[in-house]
Amino acid sequence: MCGDSSKAKAVARQLALDAGFASCYDTGGNDRFALLEQFAFSGSTWQCSRARGGNSL
């Protein structure tokens, strides 16, 4: 998670833990949105590729 609001990050952390995630990492402030978004996109692309039988991005 990232963002400048500590209250919002506390809520997001608790929601993630309540949803069953083992941990939730704080990656910084609003300046990290683009980086975290690209990281999440690459992970989901890789998972979709694997679901279709591929091995690579």
Protein backbone atom coordinates (compact mmCIF):
# COMPACT_ATOMS: atom_id res chain seq x y z
CA MET A 1 0.00 0.00 0.00
CA CYS A 2 1.07 3.57 -0.47
CA GLY A 3 -0.29 7.01 0.22
CA ASP A 4 0.18 10.10 2.34
CA SER A 5 -2.74 9.46 4.73
CA SER A 6 -1.67 7.41 7.74
CA LYS A 7 -5.32 6.92 8.73
CA ALA A 8 -6.22 5.53 5.29
CA LYS A 9 -3.20 3.22 5.35
CA ALA A 10 -4.20 1.91 8.77
CA VAL A 11 -7.68 1.12 7.44
CA ALA A 12 -6.26 -0.52 4.29
CA ARG A 13 -3.85 -2.60 6.37
CA GLN A 14 -6.66 -3.85 8.62
CA LEU A 15 -8.90 -4.66 5.64
CA ALA A 16 -6.08 -6.65 4.01
CA LEU A 17 -5.43 -8.60 7.22
CA ASP A 18 -9.16 -9.19 7.75
CA ALA A 19 -9.39 -10.50 4.16
CA GLY A 20 -6.81 -13.15 4.98
CA PHE A 21 -3.57 -11.65 3.68
CA ALA A 22 -0.63 -12.67 5.86
CA SER A 23 0.98 -9.24 5.74
CA CYS A 24 0.59 -5.77 4.32
CA TYR A 25 3.58 -3.59 3.40
CA ASP A 26 3.77 0.19 3.44
CA THR A 27 5.73 1.30 0.38
CA GLY A 28 5.65 5.04 1.05
CA GLY A 29 3.69 8.08 0.06
CA ASN A 30 1.72 9.25 -2.97
CA ASP A 31 4.92 9.39 -5.02
CA ARG A 32 4.90 5.56 -5.08
CA PHE A 33 1.48 5.07 -6.73
CA ALA A 34 2.83 4.56 -10.26
CA LEU A 35 5.52 2.12 -9.13
CA LEU A 36 3.14 0.02 -7.04
CA GLU A 37 0.53 0.03 -9.81
CA GLN A 38 3.05 -1.28 -12.36
CA PHE A 39 4.23 -3.93 -9.91
CA ALA A 40 0.65 -5.14 -9.36
CA PHE A 41 -0.05 -5.11 -13.10
CA SER A 42 3.02 -7.20 -13.90
CA GLY A 43 2.07 -9.73 -11.22
CA SER A 44 -1.48 -10.08 -12.49
CA THR A 45 -0.26 -10.36 -16.09
CA TRP A 46 2.13 -13.13 -15.07
CA GLN A 47 -0.63 -15.01 -13.21
CA CYS A 48 -2.99 -14.77 -16.19
CA SER A 49 -0.24 -16.03 -18.47
CA ARG A 50 0.40 -19.01 -16.18
CA ALA A 51 -3.33 -19.76 -16.02
CA ARG A 52 -3.29 -20.08 -19.82
CA GLY A 53 -0.32 -22.43 -19.72
CA GLY A 54 2.54 -19.98 -20.27
CA ASN A 55 5.73 -19.76 -18.23
CA SER A 56 6.86 -16.19 -18.84
CA LEU A 57 5.69 -12.60 -18.77
